[in-house]
Amino acid sequence: MPRKNREGGGEGFRIAGAMIPSLIPLMLRLGKTYLKFKKNAQKAGRIFEKELRANGIDKKTAREMTEIYLDSSRILSAFDFSDMMNRA
């Protein structure tokens, strides 16, 4: 005779088992979107630097300004984890 689940005993595993199949396509789409975002950001950075150079800004300054411009597209840099790492 099968044993009944204890109160709340296996429910977490059942929920996780139901969610995993739907998470895989979601993670794949998220990865694809992230890569497309990075590609577009790099392209925009090249165009930005090219326009700066065309308008008379020296190469070093244009490169620095482009880095600042591209920092806004770096998702992980938006979260400052250095504080957490220093506390550990």
PDB file of N, CA and C in Angstrom:
ATOM      1  N   MET A   1       0.838  -1.177   0.000  1.00  0.00           N
ATOM      2  CA  MET A   1       0.000   0.000   0.000  1.00  0.00           C
ATOM      3  C   MET A   1       0.885   1.243   0.000  1.00  0.00           C
ATOM      4  N   PRO A   2       0.675   2.173  -0.946  1.00  0.00           N
ATOM      5  CA  PRO A   2       1.502   3.372  -1.016  1.00  0.00           C
ATOM      6  C   PRO A   2       1.314   4.255   0.217  1.00  0.00           C
ATOM      7  N   ARG A   3       2.436   4.818   0.614  1.00  0.00           N
ATOM      8  CA  ARG A   3       2.390   5.702   1.776  1.00  0.00           C
ATOM      9  C   ARG A   3       1.974   7.096   1.332  1.00  0.00           C
ATOM     10  N   LYS A   4       1.181   7.729   2.129  1.00  0.00           N
ATOM     11  CA  LYS A   4       0.766   9.093   1.838  1.00  0.00           C
ATOM     12  C   LYS A   4       1.901  10.043   2.201  1.00  0.00           C
ATOM     13  N   ASN A   5       2.007  11.109   1.429  1.00  0.00           N
ATOM     14  CA  ASN A   5       3.015  12.115   1.742  1.00  0.00           C
ATOM     15  C   ASN A   5       2.739  12.718   3.108  1.00  0.00           C
ATOM     16  N   ARG A   6       3.830  12.930   3.830  1.00  0.00           N
ATOM     17  CA  ARG A   6       3.663  13.648   5.084  1.00  0.00           C
ATOM     18  C   ARG A   6       3.264  15.063   4.740  1.00  0.00           C
ATOM     19  N   GLU A   7       2.713  15.733   5.691  1.00  0.00           N
ATOM     20  CA  GLU A   7       2.197  17.068   5.439  1.00  0.00           C
ATOM     21  C   GLU A   7       3.291  17.980   4.902  1.00  0.00           C
ATOM     22  N   GLY A   8       3.187  18.366   3.624  1.00  0.00           N
ATOM     23  CA  GLY A   8       4.150  19.265   2.998  1.00  0.00           C
ATOM     24  C   GLY A   8       5.492  18.613   2.706  1.00  0.00           C
ATOM     25  N   GLY A   9       5.612  17.332   2.847  1.00  0.00           N
ATOM     26  CA  GLY A   9       6.899  16.662   2.705  1.00  0.00           C
ATOM     27  C   GLY A   9       7.488  16.710   1.318  1.00  0.00           C
ATOM     28  N   GLY A  10       6.762  16.281   0.290  1.00  0.00           N
ATOM     29  CA  GLY A  10       7.331  16.210  -1.048  1.00  0.00           C
ATOM     30  C   GLY A  10       6.786  17.237  -2.002  1.00  0.00           C
ATOM     31  N   GLU A  11       6.034  18.154  -1.504  1.00  0.00           N
ATOM     32  CA  GLU A  11       5.380  19.118  -2.375  1.00  0.00           C
ATOM     33  C   GLU A  11       6.379  20.047  -3.060  1.00  0.00           C
ATOM     34  N   GLY A  12       7.452  20.429  -2.375  1.00  0.00           N
ATOM     35  CA  GLY A  12       8.460  21.306  -2.962  1.00  0.00           C
ATOM     36  C   GLY A  12       9.118  20.665  -4.168  1.00  0.00           C
ATOM     37  N   PHE A  13       9.397  19.353  -4.070  1.00  0.00           N
ATOM     38  CA  PHE A  13      10.004  18.645  -5.186  1.00  0.00           C
ATOM     39  C   PHE A  13       9.041  18.552  -6.358  1.00  0.00           C
ATOM     40  N   ARG A  14       7.782  18.363  -6.063  1.00  0.00           N
ATOM     41  CA  ARG A  14       6.785  18.257  -7.117  1.00  0.00           C
ATOM     42  C   ARG A  14       6.638  19.593  -7.857  1.00  0.00           C
ATOM     43  N   ILE A  15       6.646  20.680  -7.107  1.00  0.00           N
ATOM     44  CA  ILE A  15       6.538  22.004  -7.720  1.00  0.00           C
ATOM     45  C   ILE A  15       7.779  22.293  -8.559  1.00  0.00           C
ATOM     46  N   ALA A  16       8.960  21.992  -8.004  1.00  0.00           N
ATOM     47  CA  ALA A  16      10.209  22.216  -8.749  1.00  0.00           C
ATOM     48  C   ALA A  16      10.233  21.359 -10.013  1.00  0.00           C
ATOM     49  N   GLY A  17       9.771  20.131  -9.912  1.00  0.00           N
ATOM     50  CA  GLY A  17       9.726  19.248 -11.069  1.00  0.00           C
ATOM     51  C   GLY A  17       8.794  19.756 -12.152  1.00  0.00           C
ATOM     52  N   ALA A  18       7.753  20.430 -11.753  1.00  0.00           N
ATOM     53  CA  ALA A  18       6.815  20.986 -12.733  1.00  0.00           C
ATOM     54  C   ALA A  18       7.360  22.260 -13.365  1.00  0.00           C
ATOM     55  N   MET A  19       8.196  22.987 -12.640  1.00  0.00           N
ATOM     56  CA  MET A  19       8.709  24.259 -13.142  1.00  0.00           C
ATOM     57  C   MET A  19       9.928  24.101 -14.046  1.00  0.00           C
ATOM     58  N   ILE A  20      10.751  23.109 -13.814  1.00  0.00           N
ATOM     59  CA  ILE A  20      12.000  22.953 -14.562  1.00  0.00           C
ATOM     60  C   ILE A  20      11.779  22.885 -16.074  1.00  0.00           C
ATOM     61  N   PRO A  21      10.833  22.105 -16.566  1.00  0.00           N
ATOM     62  CA  PRO A  21      10.644  22.072 -18.028  1.00  0.00           C
ATOM     63  C   PRO A  21      10.296  23.428 -18.641  1.00  0.00           C
ATOM     64  N   SER A  22       9.611  24.276 -17.903  1.00  0.00           N
ATOM     65  CA  SER A  22       9.286  25.594 -18.452  1.00  0.00           C
ATOM     66  C   SER A  22      10.432  26.586 -18.270  1.00  0.00           C
ATOM     67  N   LEU A  23      11.339  26.321 -17.337  1.00  0.00           N
ATOM     68  CA  LEU A  23      12.470  27.222 -17.118  1.00  0.00           C
ATOM     69  C   LEU A  23      13.541  27.091 -18.192  1.00  0.00           C
ATOM     70  N   ILE A  24      13.696  25.913 -18.748  1.00  0.00           N
ATOM     71  CA  ILE A  24      14.739  25.696 -19.758  1.00  0.00           C
ATOM     72  C   ILE A  24      14.533  26.596 -20.982  1.00  0.00           C
ATOM     73  N   PRO A  25      13.354  26.610 -21.609  1.00  0.00           N
ATOM     74  CA  PRO A  25      13.164  27.527 -22.752  1.00  0.00           C
ATOM     75  C   PRO A  25      13.285  28.999 -22.348  1.00  0.00           C
ATOM     76  N   LEU A  26      12.833  29.317 -21.144  1.00  0.00           N
ATOM     77  CA  LEU A  26      12.944  30.692 -20.665  1.00  0.00           C
ATOM     78  C   LEU A  26      14.409  31.113 -20.541  1.00  0.00           C
ATOM     79  N   MET A  27      15.250  30.251 -20.006  1.00  0.00           N
ATOM     80  CA  MET A  27      16.675  30.550 -19.870  1.00  0.00           C
ATOM     81  C   MET A  27      17.347  30.658 -21.241  1.00  0.00           C
ATOM     82  N   LEU A  28      16.937  29.823 -22.183  1.00  0.00           N
ATOM     83  CA  LEU A  28      17.495  29.907 -23.538  1.00  0.00           C
ATOM     84  C   LEU A  28      17.126  31.234 -24.200  1.00  0.00           C
ATOM     85  N   ARG A  29      15.880  31.657 -24.034  1.00  0.00           N
ATOM     86  CA  ARG A  29      15.458  32.937 -24.605  1.00  0.00           C
ATOM     87  C   ARG A  29      16.180  34.099 -23.930  1.00  0.00           C
ATOM     88  N   LEU A  30      16.355  33.990 -22.617  1.00  0.00           N
ATOM     89  CA  LEU A  30      17.073  35.027 -21.886  1.00  0.00           C
ATOM     90  C   LEU A  30      18.516  35.135 -22.374  1.00  0.00           C
ATOM     91  N   GLY A  31      19.163  33.998 -22.584  1.00  0.00           N
ATOM     92  CA  GLY A  31      20.529  33.993 -23.101  1.00  0.00           C
ATOM     93  C   GLY A  31      20.614  34.604 -24.487  1.00  0.00           C
ATOM     94  N   LYS A  32      19.672  34.259 -25.338  1.00  0.00           N
ATOM     95  CA  LYS A  32      19.644  34.805 -26.704  1.00  0.00           C
ATOM     96  C   LYS A  32      19.438  36.320 -26.669  1.00  0.00           C
ATOM     97  N   THR A  33      18.536  36.774 -25.830  1.00  0.00           N
ATOM     98  CA  THR A  33      18.265  38.202 -25.704  1.00  0.00           C
ATOM     99  C   THR A  33      19.488  38.941 -25.169  1.00  0.00           C
ATOM    100  N   TYR A  34      20.170  38.346 -24.197  1.00  0.00           N
ATOM    101  CA  TYR A  34      21.367  38.955 -23.625  1.00  0.00           C
ATOM    102  C   TYR A  34      22.461  39.100 -24.688  1.00  0.00           C
ATOM    103  N   LEU A  35      22.680  38.043 -25.461  1.00  0.00           N
ATOM    104  CA  LEU A  35      23.704  38.091 -26.498  1.00  0.00           C
ATOM    105  C   LEU A  35      23.378  39.135 -27.571  1.00  0.00           C
ATOM    106  N   LYS A  36      22.108  39.228 -27.932  1.00  0.00           N
ATOM    107  CA  LYS A  36      21.682  40.221 -28.920  1.00  0.00           C
ATOM    108  C   LYS A  36      21.884  41.631 -28.359  1.00  0.00           C
ATOM    109  N   PHE A  37      21.564  41.815 -27.101  1.00  0.00           N
ATOM    110  CA  PHE A  37      21.757  43.107 -26.444  1.00  0.00           C
ATOM    111  C   PHE A  37      23.232  43.500 -26.446  1.00  0.00           C
ATOM    112  N   LYS A  38      24.110  42.555 -26.099  1.00  0.00           N
ATOM    113  CA  LYS A  38      25.547  42.833 -26.069  1.00  0.00           C
ATOM    114  C   LYS A  38      26.067  43.166 -27.462  1.00  0.00           C
ATOM    115  N   LYS A  39      25.614  42.426 -28.472  1.00  0.00           N
ATOM    116  CA  LYS A  39      26.038  42.673 -29.847  1.00  0.00           C
ATOM    117  C   LYS A  39      25.619  44.078 -30.287  1.00  0.00           C
ATOM    118  N   ASN A  40      24.383  44.454 -29.996  1.00  0.00           N
ATOM    119  CA  ASN A  40      23.891  45.777 -30.366  1.00  0.00           C
ATOM    120  C   ASN A  40      24.636  46.883 -29.611  1.00  0.00           C
ATOM    121  N   ALA A  41      24.980  46.635 -28.357  1.00  0.00           N
ATOM    122  CA  ALA A  41      25.716  47.620 -27.566  1.00  0.00           C
ATOM    123  C   ALA A  41      27.111  47.824 -28.144  1.00  0.00           C
ATOM    124  N   GLN A  42      27.769  46.737 -28.530  1.00  0.00           N
ATOM    125  CA  GLN A  42      29.099  46.859 -29.119  1.00  0.00           C
ATOM    126  C   GLN A  42      29.044  47.619 -30.443  1.00  0.00           C
ATOM    127  N   LYS A  43      28.028  47.326 -31.228  1.00  0.00           N
ATOM    128  CA  LYS A  43      27.863  48.022 -32.512  1.00  0.00           C
ATOM    129  C   LYS A  43      27.637  49.514 -32.277  1.00  0.00           C
ATOM    130  N   ALA A  44      26.795  49.832 -31.295  1.00  0.00           N
ATOM    131  CA  ALA A  44      26.535  51.235 -30.970  1.00  0.00           C
ATOM    132  C   ALA A  44      27.805  51.909 -30.463  1.00  0.00           C
ATOM    133  N   GLY A  45      28.618  51.189 -29.718  1.00  0.00           N
ATOM    134  CA  GLY A  45      29.877  51.740 -29.226  1.00  0.00           C
ATOM    135  C   GLY A  45      30.836  52.072 -30.354  1.00  0.00           C
ATOM    136  N   ARG A  46      30.913  51.182 -31.347  1.00  0.00           N
ATOM    137  CA  ARG A  46      31.777  51.443 -32.505  1.00  0.00           C
ATOM    138  C   ARG A  46      31.300  52.684 -33.261  1.00  0.00           C
ATOM    139  N   ILE A  47      29.994  52.798 -33.446  1.00  0.00           N
ATOM    140  CA  ILE A  47      29.433  53.953 -34.149  1.00  0.00           C
ATOM    141  C   ILE A  47      29.685  55.229 -33.343  1.00  0.00           C
ATOM    142  N   PHE A  48      29.501  55.159 -32.043  1.00  0.00           N
ATOM    143  CA  PHE A  48      29.714  56.301 -31.168  1.00  0.00           C
ATOM    144  C   PHE A  48      31.160  56.788 -31.258  1.00  0.00           C
ATOM    145  N   GLU A  49      32.102  55.850 -31.161  1.00  0.00           N
ATOM    146  CA  GLU A  49      33.516  56.223 -31.240  1.00  0.00           C
ATOM    147  C   GLU A  49      33.867  56.792 -32.621  1.00  0.00           C
ATOM    148  N   LYS A  50      33.328  56.194 -33.653  1.00  0.00           N
ATOM    149  CA  LYS A  50      33.584  56.672 -35.019  1.00  0.00           C
ATOM    150  C   LYS A  50      33.090  58.104 -35.191  1.00  0.00           C
ATOM    151  N   GLU A  51      31.911  58.404 -34.655  1.00  0.00           N
ATOM    152  CA  GLU A  51      31.354  59.752 -34.759  1.00  0.00           C
ATOM    153  C   GLU A  51      32.170  60.751 -33.942  1.00  0.00           C
ATOM    154  N   LEU A  52      32.633  60.319 -32.778  1.00  0.00           N
ATOM    155  CA  LEU A  52      33.479  61.216 -31.985  1.00  0.00           C
ATOM    156  C   LEU A  52      34.747  61.570 -32.746  1.00  0.00           C
ATOM    157  N   ARG A  53      35.377  60.541 -33.339  1.00  0.00           N
ATOM    158  CA  ARG A  53      36.620  60.762 -34.096  1.00  0.00           C
ATOM    159  C   ARG A  53      36.349  61.656 -35.318  1.00  0.00           C
ATOM    160  N   ALA A  54      35.214  61.459 -35.964  1.00  0.00           N
ATOM    161  CA  ALA A  54      34.868  62.262 -37.141  1.00  0.00           C
ATOM    162  C   ALA A  54      34.631  63.726 -36.774  1.00  0.00           C
ATOM    163  N   ASN A  55      34.270  63.975 -35.529  1.00  0.00           N
ATOM    164  CA  ASN A  55      34.014  65.349 -35.085  1.00  0.00           C
ATOM    165  C   ASN A  55      35.216  65.967 -34.379  1.00  0.00           C
ATOM    166  N   GLY A  56      36.395  65.358 -34.547  1.00  0.00           N
ATOM    167  CA  GLY A  56      37.621  65.991 -34.093  1.00  0.00           C
ATOM    168  C   GLY A  56      38.121  65.631 -32.710  1.00  0.00           C
ATOM    169  N   ILE A  57      37.535  64.639 -32.067  1.00  0.00           N
ATOM    170  CA  ILE A  57      38.004  64.226 -30.738  1.00  0.00           C
ATOM    171  C   ILE A  57      39.178  63.270 -30.935  1.00  0.00           C
ATOM    172  N   ASP A  58      40.230  63.452 -30.130  1.00  0.00           N
ATOM    173  CA  ASP A  58      41.398  62.580 -30.294  1.00  0.00           C
ATOM    174  C   ASP A  58      41.064  61.135 -29.904  1.00  0.00           C
ATOM    175  N   LYS A  59      41.894  60.219 -30.394  1.00  0.00           N
ATOM    176  CA  LYS A  59      41.615  58.789 -30.264  1.00  0.00           C
ATOM    177  C   LYS A  59      41.504  58.342 -28.801  1.00  0.00           C
ATOM    178  N   LYS A  60      42.418  58.812 -27.960  1.00  0.00           N
ATOM    179  CA  LYS A  60      42.418  58.396 -26.549  1.00  0.00           C
ATOM    180  C   LYS A  60      41.143  58.858 -25.844  1.00  0.00           C
ATOM    181  N   THR A  61      40.779  60.110 -26.037  1.00  0.00           N
ATOM    182  CA  THR A  61      39.574  60.653 -25.406  1.00  0.00           C
ATOM    183  C   THR A  61      38.320  59.961 -25.947  1.00  0.00           C
ATOM    184  N   ALA A  62      38.293  59.712 -27.247  1.00  0.00           N
ATOM    185  CA  ALA A  62      37.146  59.025 -27.851  1.00  0.00           C
ATOM    186  C   ALA A  62      37.000  57.630 -27.259  1.00  0.00           C
ATOM    187  N   ARG A  63      38.125  56.949 -27.074  1.00  0.00           N
ATOM    188  CA  ARG A  63      38.085  55.590 -26.509  1.00  0.00           C
ATOM    189  C   ARG A  63      37.564  55.622 -25.072  1.00  0.00           C
ATOM    190  N   GLU A  64      38.037  56.604 -24.285  1.00  0.00           N
ATOM    191  CA  GLU A  64      37.580  56.726 -22.893  1.00  0.00           C
ATOM    192  C   GLU A  64      36.087  57.035 -22.828  1.00  0.00           C
ATOM    193  N   MET A  65      35.645  57.931 -23.703  1.00  0.00           N
ATOM    194  CA  MET A  65      34.221  58.275 -23.730  1.00  0.00           C
ATOM    195  C   MET A  65      33.378  57.079 -24.171  1.00  0.00           C
ATOM    196  N   THR A  66      33.901  56.297 -25.088  1.00  0.00           N
ATOM    197  CA  THR A  66      33.188  55.102 -25.537  1.00  0.00           C
ATOM    198  C   THR A  66      33.071  54.090 -24.408  1.00  0.00           C
ATOM    199  N   GLU A  67      34.138  53.930 -23.625  1.00  0.00           N
ATOM    200  CA  GLU A  67      34.088  53.011 -22.475  1.00  0.00           C
ATOM    201  C   GLU A  67      33.023  53.453 -21.479  1.00  0.00           C
ATOM    202  N   ILE A  68      32.961  54.753 -21.222  1.00  0.00           N
ATOM    203  CA  ILE A  68      31.927  55.268 -20.312  1.00  0.00           C
ATOM    204  C   ILE A  68      30.541  55.000 -20.896  1.00  0.00           C
ATOM    205  N   TYR A  69      30.406  55.219 -22.187  1.00  0.00           N
ATOM    206  CA  TYR A  69      29.134  54.967 -22.881  1.00  0.00           C
ATOM    207  C   TYR A  69      28.738  53.495 -22.770  1.00  0.00           C
ATOM    208  N   LEU A  70      29.712  52.602 -22.962  1.00  0.00           N
ATOM    209  CA  LEU A  70      29.418  51.168 -22.923  1.00  0.00           C
ATOM    210  C   LEU A  70      29.196  50.643 -21.506  1.00  0.00           C
ATOM    211  N   ASP A  71      29.698  51.352 -20.494  1.00  0.00           N
ATOM    212  CA  ASP A  71      29.475  50.919 -19.110  1.00  0.00           C
ATOM    213  C   ASP A  71      27.987  50.842 -18.788  1.00  0.00           C
ATOM    214  N   SER A  72      27.207  51.697 -19.403  1.00  0.00           N
ATOM    215  CA  SER A  72      25.768  51.679 -19.135  1.00  0.00           C
ATOM    216  C   SER A  72      25.099  50.415 -19.676  1.00  0.00           C
ATOM    217  N   SER A  73      25.744  49.737 -20.607  1.00  0.00           N
ATOM    218  CA  SER A  73      25.145  48.525 -21.176  1.00  0.00           C
ATOM    219  C   SER A  73      25.659  47.256 -20.502  1.00  0.00           C
ATOM    220  N   ARG A  74      26.529  47.401 -19.534  1.00  0.00           N
ATOM    221  CA  ARG A  74      27.049  46.236 -18.810  1.00  0.00           C
ATOM    222  C   ARG A  74      26.127  45.936 -17.642  1.00  0.00           C
ATOM    223  N   ILE A  75      25.359  44.879 -17.795  1.00  0.00           N
ATOM    224  CA  ILE A  75      24.312  44.554 -16.837  1.00  0.00           C
ATOM    225  C   ILE A  75      24.874  44.260 -15.449  1.00  0.00           C
ATOM    226  N   LEU A  76      25.919  43.457 -15.370  1.00  0.00           N
ATOM    227  CA  LEU A  76      26.451  43.078 -14.070  1.00  0.00           C
ATOM    228  C   LEU A  76      27.116  44.243 -13.356  1.00  0.00           C
ATOM    229  N   SER A  77      27.593  45.224 -14.090  1.00  0.00           N
ATOM    230  CA  SER A  77      28.206  46.374 -13.431  1.00  0.00           C
ATOM    231  C   SER A  77      27.149  47.263 -12.778  1.00  0.00           C
ATOM    232  N   ALA A  78      25.894  47.068 -13.134  1.00  0.00           N
ATOM    233  CA  ALA A  78      24.820  47.828 -12.505  1.00  0.00           C
ATOM    234  C   ALA A  78      24.642  47.406 -11.046  1.00  0.00           C
ATOM    235  N   PHE A  79      25.043  46.196 -10.741  1.00  0.00           N
ATOM    236  CA  PHE A  79      24.971  45.688  -9.377  1.00  0.00           C
ATOM    237  C   PHE A  79      26.377  45.678  -8.812  1.00  0.00           C
ATOM    238  N   ASP A  80      26.577  46.372  -7.721  1.00  0.00           N
ATOM    239  CA  ASP A  80      27.906  46.440  -7.130  1.00  0.00           C
ATOM    240  C   ASP A  80      28.052  45.319  -6.116  1.00  0.00           C
ATOM    241  N   PHE A  81      28.671  44.208  -6.555  1.00  0.00           N
ATOM    242  CA  PHE A  81      28.859  43.060  -5.678  1.00  0.00           C
ATOM    243  C   PHE A  81      30.170  43.142  -4.910  1.00  0.00           C
ATOM    244  N   SER A  82      30.978  44.175  -5.136  1.00  0.00           N
ATOM    245  CA  SER A  82      32.278  44.245  -4.469  1.00  0.00           C
ATOM    246  C   SER A  82      32.114  44.364  -2.964  1.00  0.00           C
ATOM    247  N   ASP A  83      31.064  45.052  -2.511  1.00  0.00           N
ATOM    248  CA  ASP A  83      30.820  45.152  -1.089  1.00  0.00           C
ATOM    249  C   ASP A  83      30.580  43.793  -0.463  1.00  0.00           C
ATOM    250  N   MET A  84      29.787  42.975  -1.130  1.00  0.00           N
ATOM    251  CA  MET A  84      29.492  41.636  -0.621  1.00  0.00           C
ATOM    252  C   MET A  84      30.750  40.778  -0.562  1.00  0.00           C
ATOM    253  N   MET A  85      31.561  40.872  -1.600  1.00  0.00           N
ATOM    254  CA  MET A  85      32.763  40.052  -1.683  1.00  0.00           C
ATOM    255  C   MET A  85      33.758  40.456  -0.594  1.00  0.00           C
ATOM    256  N   ASN A  86      33.821  41.726  -0.260  1.00  0.00           N
ATOM    257  CA  ASN A  86      34.749  42.179   0.757  1.00  0.00           C
ATOM    258  C   ASN A  86      34.320  41.774   2.163  1.00  0.00           C
ATOM    259  N   ARG A  87      33.027  41.606   2.372  1.00  0.00           N
ATOM    260  CA  ARG A  87      32.518  41.205   3.693  1.00  0.00           C
ATOM    261  C   ARG A  87      32.737  39.737   3.972  1.00  0.00           C
ATOM    262  N   ALA A  88      32.789  38.920   2.923  1.00  0.00           N
ATOM    263  CA  ALA A  88      32.884  37.467   3.118  1.00  0.00           C
ATOM    264  C   ALA A  88      34.227  37.038   3.641  1.00  0.00           C
TER     265      ALA A  88
END
